[in-house]
Amino acid sequence: MTTYYDAWQQVTTKNGFTADEIISGLQKSIRRSDQENALAMAYEMYITSEQLEDYMWKRLLVISVEDIGFADTNATLIIRNLEQTRKDFQYGSFDRGLFMIQAVRYLCKCNKDRSSDLMLNILREEFAKGRAPVIEDHMLDMHTRQGRINGKDLNHFLHVASHVEPLAKDTQHQEFFTRLQAILNNQ
């Protein structure tokens, strides 16, 4: 088992809890949509110190990606907005606390998806065992030294290297692609 130093193990909250347990409790409560307990954990962090409040916001941002993820891709933007806006109010003021409450309630109500966290763990383990990126031929285009050496030009870029999947519907992609091709063919 890996051991590491966590400074929050040395901090006692206002009501006598070890800070690392309150921090963990906040995230686990949000994961299970236990709004009441998550709010109590967040409030304990908030009333303990401004430093622990700042760390709470860092955790809420991580939670928005680690535990909410693709279930709500706006979660990080919303949490960041609330985190920044709270700074307009003095620490300890009633109004400042509202932003924390809104953020925690929002995350509790969100559907959850941990796939990004799982993928990061997969990559970390695979790279530790020797995995490395693979450069495929279509990646070597006019923007790379090797692509230019291999004669890759704008035509290759337009037909191969700039290919996107899935292509969004109801855009002017095909219209503009056809127009550009006509211009290039007339040169």
C-alpha atoms as a PDB file:
ATOM      1  CA  MET A   1       0.000   0.000   0.000  1.00  0.00           C
ATOM      2  CA  THR A   2       1.298   3.431  -0.953  1.00  0.00           C
ATOM      3  CA  THR A   3       1.616   5.909   1.879  1.00  0.00           C
ATOM      4  CA  TYR A   4       1.712   9.641   1.384  1.00  0.00           C
ATOM      5  CA  TYR A   5       1.599  12.781   3.446  1.00  0.00           C
ATOM      6  CA  ASP A   6      -1.669  14.715   3.505  1.00  0.00           C
ATOM      7  CA  ALA A   7      -1.404  18.058   5.285  1.00  0.00           C
ATOM      8  CA  TRP A   8      -5.151  18.044   5.949  1.00  0.00           C
ATOM      9  CA  GLN A   9      -4.651  15.090   8.326  1.00  0.00           C
ATOM     10  CA  GLN A  10      -2.972  17.572  10.661  1.00  0.00           C
ATOM     11  CA  VAL A  11      -5.810  20.126  10.591  1.00  0.00           C
ATOM     12  CA  THR A  12      -8.724  20.067  13.008  1.00  0.00           C
ATOM     13  CA  THR A  13     -11.968  21.668  11.878  1.00  0.00           C
ATOM     14  CA  LYS A  14     -14.002  24.108  13.964  1.00  0.00           C
ATOM     15  CA  ASN A  15     -16.074  21.283  15.452  1.00  0.00           C
ATOM     16  CA  GLY A  16     -13.111  18.979  16.149  1.00  0.00           C
ATOM     17  CA  PHE A  17     -13.061  16.763  13.060  1.00  0.00           C
ATOM     18  CA  THR A  18      -9.915  15.856  11.155  1.00  0.00           C
ATOM     19  CA  ALA A  19     -10.075  17.931   7.971  1.00  0.00           C
ATOM     20  CA  ASP A  20      -9.163  15.051   5.645  1.00  0.00           C
ATOM     21  CA  GLU A  21     -12.233  13.131   6.856  1.00  0.00           C
ATOM     22  CA  ILE A  22     -14.528  16.102   6.242  1.00  0.00           C
ATOM     23  CA  ILE A  23     -12.986  16.569   2.772  1.00  0.00           C
ATOM     24  CA  SER A  24     -13.540  12.891   1.989  1.00  0.00           C
ATOM     25  CA  GLY A  25     -17.050  13.047   3.425  1.00  0.00           C
ATOM     26  CA  LEU A  26     -17.910  15.975   1.156  1.00  0.00           C
ATOM     27  CA  GLN A  27     -16.969  14.080  -1.988  1.00  0.00           C
ATOM     28  CA  LYS A  28     -18.551  10.777  -0.943  1.00  0.00           C
ATOM     29  CA  SER A  29     -21.780  12.546   0.009  1.00  0.00           C
ATOM     30  CA  ILE A  30     -21.940  14.324  -3.361  1.00  0.00           C
ATOM     31  CA  ARG A  31     -21.271  11.013  -5.143  1.00  0.00           C
ATOM     32  CA  ARG A  32     -24.308   9.501  -3.431  1.00  0.00           C
ATOM     33  CA  SER A  33     -26.462  12.646  -3.823  1.00  0.00           C
ATOM     34  CA  ASP A  34     -26.683  12.935  -0.026  1.00  0.00           C
ATOM     35  CA  GLN A  35     -27.359  16.661  -0.113  1.00  0.00           C
ATOM     36  CA  GLU A  36     -27.877  17.185   3.627  1.00  0.00           C
ATOM     37  CA  ASN A  37     -24.587  15.569   4.614  1.00  0.00           C
ATOM     38  CA  ALA A  38     -22.682  17.143   1.715  1.00  0.00           C
ATOM     39  CA  LEU A  39     -23.904  20.583   2.770  1.00  0.00           C
ATOM     40  CA  ALA A  40     -22.912  19.931   6.385  1.00  0.00           C
ATOM     41  CA  MET A  41     -19.411  18.853   5.274  1.00  0.00           C
ATOM     42  CA  ALA A  42     -19.030  21.929   3.059  1.00  0.00           C
ATOM     43  CA  TYR A  43     -20.262  24.250   5.796  1.00  0.00           C
ATOM     44  CA  GLU A  44     -17.820  22.706   8.289  1.00  0.00           C
ATOM     45  CA  MET A  45     -15.001  23.460   5.852  1.00  0.00           C
ATOM     46  CA  TYR A  46     -16.322  26.976   5.271  1.00  0.00           C
ATOM     47  CA  ILE A  47     -16.556  27.953   8.949  1.00  0.00           C
ATOM     48  CA  THR A  48     -13.174  26.441   9.836  1.00  0.00           C
ATOM     49  CA  SER A  49     -10.956  28.782   7.803  1.00  0.00           C
ATOM     50  CA  GLU A  50     -10.653  30.650   4.550  1.00  0.00           C
ATOM     51  CA  GLN A  51      -7.867  28.238   3.547  1.00  0.00           C
ATOM     52  CA  LEU A  52     -10.146  25.231   4.014  1.00  0.00           C
ATOM     53  CA  GLU A  53     -12.893  27.063   2.123  1.00  0.00           C
ATOM     54  CA  ASP A  54     -10.459  27.596  -0.777  1.00  0.00           C
ATOM     55  CA  TYR A  55      -9.582  23.900  -0.724  1.00  0.00           C
ATOM     56  CA  MET A  56     -13.281  22.997  -0.679  1.00  0.00           C
ATOM     57  CA  TRP A  57     -13.721  24.914  -3.948  1.00  0.00           C
ATOM     58  CA  LYS A  58     -10.772  23.062  -5.481  1.00  0.00           C
ATOM     59  CA  ARG A  59     -12.411  19.776  -4.509  1.00  0.00           C
ATOM     60  CA  LEU A  60     -15.773  20.894  -5.939  1.00  0.00           C
ATOM     61  CA  LEU A  61     -14.060  21.662  -9.246  1.00  0.00           C
ATOM     62  CA  VAL A  62     -12.415  18.226  -9.262  1.00  0.00           C
ATOM     63  CA  ILE A  63     -15.726  16.575  -8.350  1.00  0.00           C
ATOM     64  CA  SER A  64     -17.379  18.345 -11.299  1.00  0.00           C
ATOM     65  CA  VAL A  65     -15.042  16.429 -13.628  1.00  0.00           C
ATOM     66  CA  GLU A  66     -14.218  13.277 -11.649  1.00  0.00           C
ATOM     67  CA  ASP A  67     -17.729  12.377 -10.510  1.00  0.00           C
ATOM     68  CA  ILE A  68     -20.094  14.349 -12.770  1.00  0.00           C
ATOM     69  CA  GLY A  69     -18.045  14.245 -15.964  1.00  0.00           C
ATOM     70  CA  PHE A  70     -19.946  13.687 -19.188  1.00  0.00           C
ATOM     71  CA  ALA A  71     -23.256  13.389 -17.353  1.00  0.00           C
ATOM     72  CA  ASP A  72     -23.217  17.212 -17.274  1.00  0.00           C
ATOM     73  CA  THR A  73     -20.397  18.836 -19.215  1.00  0.00           C
ATOM     74  CA  ASN A  74     -21.442  22.286 -17.955  1.00  0.00           C
ATOM     75  CA  ALA A  75     -20.811  21.353 -14.324  1.00  0.00           C
ATOM     76  CA  THR A  76     -17.226  22.612 -14.275  1.00  0.00           C
ATOM     77  CA  LEU A  77     -18.229  25.937 -15.841  1.00  0.00           C
ATOM     78  CA  ILE A  78     -21.014  26.415 -13.319  1.00  0.00           C
ATOM     79  CA  ILE A  79     -18.823  25.531 -10.334  1.00  0.00           C
ATOM     80  CA  ARG A  80     -15.989  27.778 -11.592  1.00  0.00           C
ATOM     81  CA  ASN A  81     -18.445  30.638 -12.050  1.00  0.00           C
ATOM     82  CA  LEU A  82     -19.807  30.216  -8.519  1.00  0.00           C
ATOM     83  CA  GLU A  83     -16.274  29.894  -7.131  1.00  0.00           C
ATOM     84  CA  GLN A  84     -15.161  33.119  -8.794  1.00  0.00           C
ATOM     85  CA  THR A  85     -18.323  35.049  -7.904  1.00  0.00           C
ATOM     86  CA  ARG A  86     -18.073  34.183  -4.201  1.00  0.00           C
ATOM     87  CA  LYS A  87     -14.827  36.188  -4.120  1.00  0.00           C
ATOM     88  CA  ASP A  88     -16.896  39.354  -4.613  1.00  0.00           C
ATOM     89  CA  PHE A  89     -18.088  38.904  -1.023  1.00  0.00           C
ATOM     90  CA  GLN A  90     -16.105  38.994   2.209  1.00  0.00           C
ATOM     91  CA  TYR A  91     -15.158  35.664   3.804  1.00  0.00           C
ATOM     92  CA  GLY A  92     -17.658  34.823   6.524  1.00  0.00           C
ATOM     93  CA  SER A  93     -20.483  36.896   5.067  1.00  0.00           C
ATOM     94  CA  PHE A  94     -23.887  35.309   4.665  1.00  0.00           C
ATOM     95  CA  ASP A  95     -23.993  36.083   0.949  1.00  0.00           C
ATOM     96  CA  ARG A  96     -20.646  34.384   0.273  1.00  0.00           C
ATOM     97  CA  GLY A  97     -21.975  31.164   1.779  1.00  0.00           C
ATOM     98  CA  LEU A  98     -24.838  31.084  -0.715  1.00  0.00           C
ATOM     99  CA  PHE A  99     -22.446  30.282  -3.561  1.00  0.00           C
ATOM    100  CA  MET A 100     -21.109  27.252  -1.694  1.00  0.00           C
ATOM    101  CA  ILE A 101     -24.643  26.039  -0.971  1.00  0.00           C
ATOM    102  CA  GLN A 102     -25.657  26.450  -4.618  1.00  0.00           C
ATOM    103  CA  ALA A 103     -22.558  24.594  -5.838  1.00  0.00           C
ATOM    104  CA  VAL A 104     -22.964  21.623  -3.510  1.00  0.00           C
ATOM    105  CA  ARG A 105     -26.702  21.330  -4.168  1.00  0.00           C
ATOM    106  CA  TYR A 106     -26.083  21.489  -7.906  1.00  0.00           C
ATOM    107  CA  LEU A 107     -23.462  18.717  -7.812  1.00  0.00           C
ATOM    108  CA  CYS A 108     -25.690  16.534  -5.634  1.00  0.00           C
ATOM    109  CA  LYS A 109     -28.558  16.867  -8.123  1.00  0.00           C
ATOM    110  CA  CYS A 110     -26.411  16.087 -11.172  1.00  0.00           C
ATOM    111  CA  ASN A 111     -26.332  12.665 -12.775  1.00  0.00           C
ATOM    112  CA  LYS A 112     -22.927  11.108 -12.226  1.00  0.00           C
ATOM    113  CA  ASP A 113     -20.278   9.732 -14.606  1.00  0.00           C
ATOM    114  CA  ARG A 114     -16.809   8.679 -13.459  1.00  0.00           C
ATOM    115  CA  SER A 115     -15.473   7.615 -16.872  1.00  0.00           C
ATOM    116  CA  SER A 116     -12.787  10.345 -17.100  1.00  0.00           C
ATOM    117  CA  ASP A 117     -11.354   9.325 -13.725  1.00  0.00           C
ATOM    118  CA  LEU A 118     -11.432   5.678 -14.764  1.00  0.00           C
ATOM    119  CA  MET A 119      -9.664   6.499 -18.048  1.00  0.00           C
ATOM    120  CA  LEU A 120      -6.948   8.495 -16.264  1.00  0.00           C
ATOM    121  CA  ASN A 121      -6.304   5.498 -14.011  1.00  0.00           C
ATOM    122  CA  ILE A 122      -6.211   3.157 -17.022  1.00  0.00           C
ATOM    123  CA  LEU A 123      -3.679   5.387 -18.803  1.00  0.00           C
ATOM    124  CA  ARG A 124      -1.526   5.768 -15.696  1.00  0.00           C
ATOM    125  CA  GLU A 125      -1.377   1.990 -15.241  1.00  0.00           C
ATOM    126  CA  GLU A 126      -0.819   1.240 -18.940  1.00  0.00           C
ATOM    127  CA  PHE A 127       1.948   3.850 -19.297  1.00  0.00           C
ATOM    128  CA  ALA A 128       3.632   2.468 -16.164  1.00  0.00           C
ATOM    129  CA  LYS A 129       3.679  -0.890 -17.974  1.00  0.00           C
ATOM    130  CA  GLY A 130       5.266   0.573 -21.117  1.00  0.00           C
ATOM    131  CA  ARG A 131       2.421   1.850 -23.276  1.00  0.00           C
ATOM    132  CA  ALA A 132       3.296   4.853 -25.436  1.00  0.00           C
ATOM    133  CA  PRO A 133       1.386   6.916 -28.020  1.00  0.00           C
ATOM    134  CA  VAL A 134       1.211   5.636 -31.608  1.00  0.00           C
ATOM    135  CA  ILE A 135       1.785   8.115 -34.451  1.00  0.00           C
ATOM    136  CA  GLU A 136      -0.370   6.976 -37.382  1.00  0.00           C
ATOM    137  CA  ASP A 137       0.236   8.009 -40.992  1.00  0.00           C
ATOM    138  CA  HIS A 138      -2.792  10.309 -41.208  1.00  0.00           C
ATOM    139  CA  MET A 139      -1.332  12.357 -38.328  1.00  0.00           C
ATOM    140  CA  LEU A 140       1.744  13.244 -40.377  1.00  0.00           C
ATOM    141  CA  ASP A 141       0.388  16.062 -42.510  1.00  0.00           C
ATOM    142  CA  MET A 142       1.585  19.414 -43.847  1.00  0.00           C
ATOM    143  CA  HIS A 143       1.813  20.698 -40.258  1.00  0.00           C
ATOM    144  CA  THR A 144       4.583  18.243 -39.284  1.00  0.00           C
ATOM    145  CA  ARG A 145       8.185  18.027 -40.474  1.00  0.00           C
ATOM    146  CA  GLN A 146       7.827  14.354 -41.406  1.00  0.00           C
ATOM    147  CA  GLY A 147       4.558  15.027 -43.240  1.00  0.00           C
ATOM    148  CA  ARG A 148       6.177  17.697 -45.397  1.00  0.00           C
ATOM    149  CA  ILE A 149       9.127  15.369 -46.098  1.00  0.00           C
ATOM    150  CA  ASN A 150       6.581  12.740 -47.191  1.00  0.00           C
ATOM    151  CA  GLY A 151       4.950  15.260 -49.560  1.00  0.00           C
ATOM    152  CA  LYS A 152       1.731  15.773 -47.605  1.00  0.00           C
ATOM    153  CA  ASP A 153       0.043  18.928 -48.884  1.00  0.00           C
ATOM    154  CA  LEU A 154      -3.183  20.897 -48.517  1.00  0.00           C
ATOM    155  CA  ASN A 155      -5.075  18.342 -50.622  1.00  0.00           C
ATOM    156  CA  HIS A 156      -4.021  15.568 -48.219  1.00  0.00           C
ATOM    157  CA  PHE A 157      -4.968  17.753 -45.280  1.00  0.00           C
ATOM    158  CA  LEU A 158      -8.435  18.498 -46.633  1.00  0.00           C
ATOM    159  CA  HIS A 159      -9.247  14.891 -47.581  1.00  0.00           C
ATOM    160  CA  VAL A 160      -7.435  12.934 -44.874  1.00  0.00           C
ATOM    161  CA  ALA A 161      -5.953  14.862 -41.955  1.00  0.00           C
ATOM    162  CA  SER A 162      -8.870  17.237 -41.337  1.00  0.00           C
ATOM    163  CA  HIS A 163     -11.466  14.432 -41.327  1.00  0.00           C
ATOM    164  CA  VAL A 164     -13.695  14.680 -38.244  1.00  0.00           C
ATOM    165  CA  GLU A 165     -15.983  12.131 -36.585  1.00  0.00           C
ATOM    166  CA  PRO A 166     -18.763  12.393 -35.811  1.00  0.00           C
ATOM    167  CA  LEU A 167     -19.528  15.255 -38.139  1.00  0.00           C
ATOM    168  CA  ALA A 168     -22.122  17.589 -36.646  1.00  0.00           C
ATOM    169  CA  LYS A 169     -25.426  17.729 -38.459  1.00  0.00           C
ATOM    170  CA  ASP A 170     -27.020  20.912 -39.748  1.00  0.00           C
ATOM    171  CA  THR A 171     -23.772  22.804 -40.331  1.00  0.00           C
ATOM    172  CA  GLN A 172     -22.361  24.314 -43.484  1.00  0.00           C
ATOM    173  CA  HIS A 173     -19.364  21.970 -43.424  1.00  0.00           C
ATOM    174  CA  GLN A 174     -20.079  20.200 -46.708  1.00  0.00           C
ATOM    175  CA  GLU A 175     -21.055  23.419 -48.490  1.00  0.00           C
ATOM    176  CA  PHE A 176     -17.823  25.166 -47.472  1.00  0.00           C
ATOM    177  CA  PHE A 177     -15.714  22.076 -48.187  1.00  0.00           C
ATOM    178  CA  THR A 178     -17.153  21.899 -51.722  1.00  0.00           C
ATOM    179  CA  ARG A 179     -16.568  25.632 -52.285  1.00  0.00           C
ATOM    180  CA  LEU A 180     -12.949  25.380 -51.120  1.00  0.00           C
ATOM    181  CA  GLN A 181     -12.358  22.339 -53.351  1.00  0.00           C
ATOM    182  CA  ALA A 182     -13.715  24.262 -56.356  1.00  0.00           C
ATOM    183  CA  ILE A 183     -11.413  27.201 -55.620  1.00  0.00           C
ATOM    184  CA  LEU A 184      -8.380  24.932 -55.252  1.00  0.00           C
ATOM    185  CA  ASN A 185      -9.222  22.989 -58.431  1.00  0.00           C
ATOM    186  CA  ASN A 186      -9.378  26.247 -60.432  1.00  0.00           C
ATOM    187  CA  GLN A 187      -5.889  27.381 -59.422  1.00  0.00           C
END
